[in-house]
Amino acid sequence: MTKKKAAAWIIVFALLVIGPGIIYHFAEPYINTENTENRQLAEKPVLSRDNLQTFASEYNSYYNDHLAFRSQMIEANSILSMNVFRDSSSSSVVLGKNNWLFFTDEGSIEDYKGTNLYTRDQLELIKDNILSTKAYLEARGIEFILMIPSNKEEIYSDNLPDYIRKRGEQTRAEQVISYLREETGIRIVYPKEELMAYKDQYDLYWHYDTHWNYLGAYIGAKALLQELGIQVPQVEELTITPNDFSGYDLANMMNLRDYYKKNKPAEVSYDVTGYPTNNLAVIQAIDATELIYQSDSPDRRRLFLVRDSFAGGMAPVLASNFAYTYMPHWNGCFEQSMIDEQQPDIFVYEVVERRLDALLSFRLSE
């Protein structure tokens, strides 16, 4: 190889190495540099005496996470997988029919199939936890209700891909509900039938997110209120205004949130009004920790609801019907001592169908 050819190859190699970084430096103000991955990216390490042995691997992780045009390359790969191979780039998401996305983690698909039923020992553990919780609350004169919102996969199973089919005769939720009602007599709200009644007239869950939308949440809240002796307007009596709001959490898991917003049919959601709000006042609304409300409702009871993210959409409807509502998140916020502090009349433990394993450990006791 001549010296000129060798020099040319060196220049080409150098451009391949540093070229993208130079282009990215000038293009950065004009492109999306937001972290579109559903995880925390590695931070740039600082060399010190304490990390001499790990610095190289830490810097390698940082370099890989902050490679020029990384987000754009990941997005391009996700689009290719989806449009060419009809496959999701995320193991947490499955592509459904009619532009629906579905969640595969937390046993969502197994819930639908009916292939993850509990053993007898697990059911007895859940029963023991529930009876302990019931006794703890009854000793304080507090009503106890278990609420289980349905999985999206159960309500809109007709939009699941054809290869996902029912296998068992009952789902895990149906198994638990039947067992607990027979063995403990506790009050359980499982609004599957109420949701099924309106699923074809309205889309009650977001297409690109794991959660129900505000109309689905209203139907769930209505079922809970009915169990508590409170009547709110029927769906037909509401003012339902379409909008395109969504959390896009499933699209985000594929690094395609922006792509879905720009290139896919608009999300289906609704603003729901027309029910009495009774001068509802928001005292605090931090979704990750506490939702606190008060209202002028004629029902002066106090509601305490331990929740997951499915209760967020129900909160305004529920809180409008009680004097005071306190809704701590189960993950890192709720503590048993809060019950005596809040002095509620009603205690609701809300857990979405796919997270029923929480019942294996949730327990109130003296």
Protein backbone atom coordinates (compact mmCIF):
# COMPACT_ATOMS: atom_id res chain seq x y z
CA MET A 1 0.00 0.00 0.00
CA THR A 2 1.37 3.40 -0.94
CA LYS A 3 1.77 6.17 1.60
CA LYS A 4 -1.04 8.13 -0.09
CA LYS A 5 -3.45 5.20 0.19
CA ALA A 6 -2.49 4.64 3.81
CA ALA A 7 -3.05 8.31 4.58
CA ALA A 8 -6.42 8.20 2.81
CA TRP A 9 -7.52 5.20 4.88
CA ILE A 10 -6.44 6.94 8.08
CA ILE A 11 -8.46 10.02 7.13
CA VAL A 12 -11.53 7.92 6.27
CA PHE A 13 -11.25 6.03 9.56
CA ALA A 14 -10.86 9.26 11.52
CA LEU A 15 -13.94 10.74 9.84
CA LEU A 16 -15.95 7.64 10.68
CA VAL A 17 -14.90 7.93 14.32
CA ILE A 18 -15.22 11.67 14.91
CA GLY A 19 -17.52 12.67 12.06
CA PRO A 20 -20.83 11.77 13.73
CA GLY A 21 -19.79 13.66 16.86
CA ILE A 22 -18.96 16.79 14.86
CA ILE A 23 -22.22 16.62 12.91
CA TYR A 24 -24.17 15.98 16.12
CA HIS A 25 -22.58 19.03 17.76
CA PHE A 26 -24.00 21.33 15.10
CA ALA A 27 -27.28 19.43 14.66
CA GLU A 28 -28.08 19.09 18.37
CA PRO A 29 -30.17 22.30 18.64
CA TYR A 30 -32.43 21.08 15.83
CA ILE A 31 -33.06 17.44 16.78
CA ASN A 32 -34.76 15.71 19.68
CA THR A 33 -32.16 14.89 22.33
CA GLU A 34 -34.67 13.75 24.95
CA ASN A 35 -34.04 10.37 26.53
CA THR A 36 -36.65 8.19 24.81
CA GLU A 37 -35.55 4.97 26.49
CA ASN A 38 -37.58 3.68 29.41
CA ARG A 39 -34.58 3.72 31.75
CA GLN A 40 -32.03 5.99 33.39
CA LEU A 41 -29.00 6.61 31.17
CA ALA A 42 -25.50 6.23 32.59
CA GLU A 43 -23.92 9.40 33.95
CA LYS A 44 -20.41 10.52 33.03
CA PRO A 45 -18.03 9.14 35.67
CA VAL A 46 -15.33 11.22 37.31
CA LEU A 47 -11.98 9.48 37.74
CA SER A 48 -10.98 9.16 41.37
CA ARG A 49 -8.98 6.90 43.64
CA ASP A 50 -12.19 5.08 44.60
CA ASN A 51 -13.16 4.02 41.07
CA LEU A 52 -9.83 3.20 39.45
CA GLN A 53 -10.89 -0.39 38.81
CA THR A 54 -14.41 0.40 37.58
CA PHE A 55 -13.79 3.67 35.72
CA ALA A 56 -13.21 2.02 32.33
CA SER A 57 -16.48 0.06 32.41
CA GLU A 58 -18.39 3.06 33.80
CA TYR A 59 -17.08 5.30 31.03
CA ASN A 60 -17.87 2.65 28.43
CA SER A 61 -21.49 2.58 29.67
CA TYR A 62 -21.63 6.37 29.55
CA TYR A 63 -20.18 6.47 26.03
CA ASN A 64 -22.63 3.87 24.74
CA ASP A 65 -25.60 5.65 26.30
CA HIS A 66 -24.62 9.04 24.89
CA LEU A 67 -23.41 8.01 21.45
CA ALA A 68 -24.20 10.62 18.81
CA PHE A 69 -27.62 10.03 17.19
CA ARG A 70 -28.27 7.08 19.55
CA SER A 71 -31.95 7.97 20.03
CA GLN A 72 -32.45 8.42 16.31
CA MET A 73 -30.83 5.05 15.54
CA ILE A 74 -32.91 3.26 18.17
CA GLU A 75 -36.08 4.88 16.84
CA ALA A 76 -35.18 3.88 13.28
CA ASN A 77 -34.65 0.28 14.37
CA SER A 78 -37.99 0.28 16.21
CA ILE A 79 -39.81 1.66 13.17
CA LEU A 80 -38.17 -0.95 10.93
CA SER A 81 -39.15 -3.77 13.29
CA MET A 82 -42.74 -2.56 13.45
CA ASN A 83 -43.43 -1.65 9.83
CA VAL A 84 -41.41 -4.33 8.04
CA PHE A 85 -41.48 -7.31 10.40
CA ARG A 86 -44.70 -6.48 12.32
CA ASP A 87 -42.76 -6.96 15.52
CA SER A 88 -42.28 -4.83 18.61
CA SER A 89 -38.77 -3.71 19.46
CA SER A 90 -39.67 -4.07 23.15
CA SER A 91 -40.28 -7.38 24.87
CA SER A 92 -42.79 -5.51 27.06
CA VAL A 93 -45.10 -4.63 24.16
CA VAL A 94 -47.05 -6.66 21.62
CA LEU A 95 -48.54 -5.15 18.47
CA GLY A 96 -52.29 -5.70 18.32
CA LYS A 97 -54.87 -5.21 15.61
CA ASN A 98 -56.23 -1.81 14.54
CA ASN A 99 -53.22 0.09 15.93
CA TRP A 100 -53.69 -1.20 19.47
CA LEU A 101 -50.67 -1.88 21.66
CA PHE A 102 -50.73 -4.32 24.58
CA PHE A 103 -48.55 -4.88 27.65
CA THR A 104 -46.78 -8.21 28.09
CA ASP A 105 -45.08 -7.64 31.46
CA GLU A 106 -46.53 -8.31 34.91
CA GLY A 107 -48.38 -11.36 33.61
CA SER A 108 -50.87 -9.37 31.54
CA ILE A 109 -51.01 -11.90 28.70
CA GLU A 110 -50.98 -14.86 31.09
CA ASP A 111 -53.88 -13.22 32.95
CA TYR A 112 -55.89 -13.16 29.74
CA LYS A 113 -54.96 -16.72 28.76
CA GLY A 114 -55.81 -18.04 32.21
CA THR A 115 -52.48 -19.83 32.53
CA ASN A 116 -51.24 -18.28 35.79
CA LEU A 117 -53.80 -19.41 38.37
CA TYR A 118 -52.79 -19.44 42.02
CA THR A 119 -52.05 -22.59 43.96
CA ARG A 120 -54.15 -23.58 46.96
CA ASP A 121 -51.37 -22.40 49.30
CA GLN A 122 -51.24 -19.01 47.58
CA LEU A 123 -55.00 -18.59 47.80
CA GLU A 124 -54.93 -19.41 51.50
CA LEU A 125 -52.16 -16.86 52.05
CA ILE A 126 -54.22 -14.21 50.27
CA LYS A 127 -57.26 -15.16 52.34
CA ASP A 128 -55.28 -14.90 55.58
CA ASN A 129 -53.97 -11.45 54.60
CA ILE A 130 -57.46 -10.25 53.66
CA LEU A 131 -59.05 -11.54 56.88
CA SER A 132 -56.33 -9.86 58.95
CA THR A 133 -56.89 -6.60 57.07
CA LYS A 134 -60.65 -6.88 57.48
CA ALA A 135 -60.35 -7.48 61.23
CA TYR A 136 -57.94 -4.56 61.66
CA LEU A 137 -60.34 -2.18 59.91
CA GLU A 138 -63.52 -3.50 61.51
CA ALA A 139 -61.98 -2.95 64.94
CA ARG A 140 -61.83 0.73 64.01
CA GLY A 141 -65.30 0.86 62.51
CA ILE A 142 -63.95 1.25 58.97
CA GLU A 143 -65.62 -0.26 55.89
CA PHE A 144 -63.27 -2.37 53.74
CA ILE A 145 -63.54 -2.86 49.98
CA LEU A 146 -61.13 -4.51 47.55
CA MET A 147 -61.21 -3.04 44.04
CA ILE A 148 -59.63 -4.74 41.02
CA PRO A 149 -59.66 -2.75 37.74
CA SER A 150 -59.62 -4.99 34.67
CA ASN A 151 -56.60 -5.36 32.43
CA LYS A 152 -56.82 -3.73 29.01
CA GLU A 153 -56.03 -7.14 27.51
CA GLU A 154 -59.19 -8.60 29.06
CA ILE A 155 -61.58 -5.86 27.88
CA TYR A 156 -60.16 -5.43 24.36
CA SER A 157 -59.05 -8.99 23.69
CA ASP A 158 -60.59 -8.79 20.20
CA ASN A 159 -57.67 -6.52 19.26
CA LEU A 160 -55.00 -8.90 20.52
CA PRO A 161 -53.03 -10.73 17.81
CA ASP A 162 -54.60 -14.03 16.76
CA TYR A 163 -51.83 -16.13 18.26
CA ILE A 164 -52.80 -15.01 21.78
CA ARG A 165 -55.80 -17.11 22.78
CA LYS A 166 -57.67 -18.18 25.89
CA ARG A 167 -56.34 -21.39 27.41
CA GLY A 168 -58.02 -21.69 30.81
CA GLU A 169 -61.68 -21.61 31.79
CA GLN A 170 -61.17 -18.73 34.22
CA THR A 171 -58.69 -15.92 34.76
CA ARG A 172 -56.62 -15.42 37.87
CA ALA A 173 -58.76 -12.43 38.85
CA GLU A 174 -61.93 -14.51 38.54
CA GLN A 175 -60.29 -17.26 40.60
CA VAL A 176 -59.29 -14.89 43.40
CA ILE A 177 -62.61 -13.03 43.46
CA SER A 178 -64.65 -16.23 43.59
CA TYR A 179 -62.45 -17.69 46.32
CA LEU A 180 -62.42 -14.58 48.51
CA ARG A 181 -66.15 -14.00 48.24
CA GLU A 182 -66.80 -17.57 49.31
CA GLU A 183 -64.14 -17.79 52.01
CA THR A 184 -64.11 -14.28 53.49
CA GLY A 185 -67.31 -12.51 52.50
CA ILE A 186 -65.44 -9.28 51.76
CA ARG A 187 -66.83 -6.72 49.35
CA ILE A 188 -65.05 -6.74 46.00
CA VAL A 189 -65.52 -4.38 43.05
CA TYR A 190 -64.40 -5.84 39.72
CA PRO A 191 -65.94 -3.62 37.01
CA LYS A 192 -65.39 -5.97 34.06
CA GLU A 193 -69.09 -6.31 33.20
CA GLU A 194 -69.65 -2.55 33.42
CA LEU A 195 -66.71 -1.92 31.08
CA MET A 196 -67.77 -4.63 28.64
CA ALA A 197 -71.19 -2.97 28.34
CA TYR A 198 -69.63 0.16 26.79
CA LYS A 199 -66.44 -1.16 25.17
CA ASP A 200 -67.86 -1.19 21.64
CA GLN A 201 -69.55 2.19 21.91
CA TYR A 202 -66.43 3.91 23.27
CA ASP A 203 -62.75 3.10 23.51
CA LEU A 204 -62.35 2.90 27.28
CA TYR A 205 -58.59 2.25 27.32
CA TRP A 206 -55.91 4.18 25.49
CA HIS A 207 -54.59 2.48 22.36
CA TYR A 208 -50.94 3.33 23.05
CA ASP A 209 -50.93 3.12 26.85
CA THR A 210 -51.57 0.47 29.49
CA HIS A 211 -54.28 2.42 31.32
CA TRP A 212 -57.97 3.12 30.94
CA ASN A 213 -58.87 6.63 29.81
CA TYR A 214 -61.08 9.02 31.76
CA LEU A 215 -64.32 7.46 30.55
CA GLY A 216 -63.12 3.99 31.50
CA ALA A 217 -62.06 5.42 34.86
CA TYR A 218 -65.51 6.99 35.32
CA ILE A 219 -67.16 3.62 34.76
CA GLY A 220 -64.81 2.05 37.30
CA ALA A 221 -65.46 4.82 39.82
CA LYS A 222 -69.21 4.51 39.30
CA ALA A 223 -69.05 0.79 40.15
CA LEU A 224 -67.14 1.52 43.37
CA LEU A 225 -69.51 4.32 44.37
CA GLN A 226 -72.50 2.08 43.76
CA GLU A 227 -71.02 -0.49 46.15
CA LEU A 228 -70.80 2.33 48.70
CA GLY A 229 -74.44 3.31 48.20
CA ILE A 230 -73.79 6.39 46.06
CA GLN A 231 -75.44 6.93 42.69
CA VAL A 232 -73.83 9.07 39.98
CA PRO A 233 -75.10 9.76 36.44
CA GLN A 234 -75.22 6.98 33.88
CA VAL A 235 -72.75 7.20 30.99
CA GLU A 236 -75.62 8.29 28.72
CA GLU A 237 -76.23 11.32 30.96
CA LEU A 238 -72.66 12.60 30.81
CA THR A 239 -71.09 15.18 28.52
CA ILE A 240 -68.36 13.23 26.73
CA THR A 241 -65.95 15.30 24.65
CA PRO A 242 -63.27 13.51 22.58
CA ASN A 243 -59.63 14.50 22.98
CA ASP A 244 -56.32 12.87 22.07
CA PHE A 245 -54.54 12.89 25.43
CA SER A 246 -52.58 9.80 26.45
CA GLY A 247 -49.62 8.78 28.53
CA TYR A 248 -48.20 6.80 25.57
CA ASP A 249 -46.36 4.52 27.99
CA LEU A 250 -46.46 1.51 25.64
CA ALA A 251 -45.26 3.54 22.66
CA ASN A 252 -42.51 4.93 24.88
CA MET A 253 -41.37 1.41 25.78
CA MET A 254 -40.61 0.95 22.07
CA ASN A 255 -38.88 4.37 21.92
CA LEU A 256 -41.66 5.49 19.57
CA ARG A 257 -43.66 7.99 21.57
CA ASP A 258 -42.99 10.90 19.21
CA TYR A 259 -43.42 8.67 16.16
CA TYR A 260 -46.85 7.54 17.33
CA LYS A 261 -47.91 11.10 18.07
CA LYS A 262 -46.91 12.29 14.61
CA ASN A 263 -47.63 9.31 12.37
CA LYS A 264 -50.30 7.10 13.92
CA PRO A 265 -54.04 7.76 14.26
CA ALA A 266 -54.80 10.16 17.09
CA GLU A 267 -55.21 8.59 20.49
CA VAL A 268 -58.80 8.05 21.63
CA SER A 269 -59.69 9.68 24.91
CA TYR A 270 -62.44 11.81 26.40
CA ASP A 271 -63.10 14.66 28.77
CA VAL A 272 -65.94 13.61 31.04
CA THR A 273 -68.24 16.17 32.67
CA GLY A 274 -71.86 16.30 33.76
CA TYR A 275 -71.58 14.65 37.18
CA PRO A 276 -71.89 16.64 40.45
CA THR A 277 -68.48 17.84 41.64
CA ASN A 278 -69.76 19.43 44.87
CA ASN A 279 -67.15 22.22 44.88
CA LEU A 280 -64.32 19.71 44.75
CA ALA A 281 -61.03 21.20 45.94
CA VAL A 282 -57.61 19.69 45.28
CA ILE A 283 -55.43 19.89 48.36
CA GLN A 284 -52.54 17.94 46.86
CA ALA A 285 -52.11 16.02 43.63
CA ILE A 286 -48.76 14.26 43.30
CA ASP A 287 -49.41 11.07 41.37
CA ALA A 288 -46.34 9.26 42.68
CA THR A 289 -47.25 9.87 46.31
CA GLU A 290 -50.52 11.42 47.51
CA LEU A 291 -53.81 12.64 46.08
CA ILE A 292 -55.82 14.64 48.62
CA TYR A 293 -59.24 16.25 48.08
CA GLN A 294 -62.13 17.74 49.96
CA SER A 295 -65.63 18.62 48.78
CA ASP A 296 -69.03 19.84 49.91
CA SER A 297 -70.61 16.47 49.17
CA PRO A 298 -73.72 15.75 51.25
CA ASP A 299 -72.05 12.43 52.10
CA ARG A 300 -69.67 13.47 54.88
CA ARG A 301 -67.74 10.21 55.03
CA ARG A 302 -63.96 10.15 54.66
CA LEU A 303 -62.43 7.90 52.00
CA PHE A 304 -58.97 6.33 52.26
CA LEU A 305 -57.89 4.56 49.06
CA VAL A 306 -54.54 2.80 48.66
CA ARG A 307 -53.93 2.86 44.94
CA ASP A 308 -51.86 2.30 41.86
CA SER A 309 -51.88 4.43 38.70
CA PHE A 310 -55.36 3.24 37.68
CA ALA A 311 -56.95 5.29 40.46
CA GLY A 312 -55.66 8.59 39.08
CA GLY A 313 -58.45 8.84 36.51
CA MET A 314 -61.07 7.85 39.09
CA ALA A 315 -59.92 10.37 41.69
CA PRO A 316 -62.05 13.43 40.73
CA VAL A 317 -65.21 11.33 40.43
CA LEU A 318 -64.67 9.53 43.73
CA ALA A 319 -63.52 12.57 45.67
CA SER A 320 -66.53 14.63 44.54
CA ASN A 321 -68.72 12.28 46.55
CA PHE A 322 -67.01 12.39 49.94
CA ALA A 323 -66.17 15.11 52.42
CA TYR A 324 -62.49 14.19 52.40
CA THR A 325 -60.46 11.79 50.26
CA TYR A 326 -56.92 10.60 50.89
CA MET A 327 -55.28 8.43 48.22
CA PRO A 328 -51.67 7.35 48.90
CA HIS A 329 -49.77 5.35 46.29
CA TRP A 330 -48.97 1.82 47.40
CA ASN A 331 -45.39 2.06 46.15
CA GLY A 332 -43.25 3.90 48.65
CA CYS A 333 -45.93 6.16 50.14
CA PHE A 334 -48.56 4.18 52.03
CA GLU A 335 -47.87 3.25 55.62
CA GLN A 336 -50.29 1.54 57.99
CA SER A 337 -49.94 4.33 60.55
CA MET A 338 -51.64 6.68 58.08
CA ILE A 339 -54.97 4.98 58.75
CA ASP A 340 -55.15 6.08 62.38
CA GLU A 341 -53.86 9.51 61.39
CA GLN A 342 -56.53 10.00 58.71
CA GLN A 343 -59.46 8.45 60.62
CA PRO A 344 -61.36 7.29 57.51
CA ASP A 345 -64.83 5.81 57.35
CA ILE A 346 -64.02 3.75 54.25
CA PHE A 347 -60.81 1.94 53.29
CA VAL A 348 -60.38 0.77 49.69
CA TYR A 349 -57.43 -1.26 48.50
CA GLU A 350 -57.25 -0.81 44.71
CA VAL A 351 -54.93 -3.01 42.67
CA VAL A 352 -55.12 -3.56 38.91
CA GLU A 353 -55.68 -7.13 37.74
CA ARG A 354 -52.14 -7.66 36.47
CA ARG A 355 -50.67 -6.83 39.89
CA LEU A 356 -52.74 -9.21 41.98
CA ASP A 357 -49.54 -10.67 43.41
CA ALA A 358 -49.66 -7.67 45.75
CA LEU A 359 -52.36 -9.55 47.66
CA LEU A 360 -49.74 -12.13 48.63
CA SER A 361 -48.04 -9.52 50.81
CA PHE A 362 -50.53 -6.72 51.56
CA ARG A 363 -51.72 -7.10 55.13
CA LEU A 364 -52.95 -4.87 57.92
CA SER A 365 -52.59 -6.18 61.45
CA GLU A 366 -52.26 -5.01 65.04
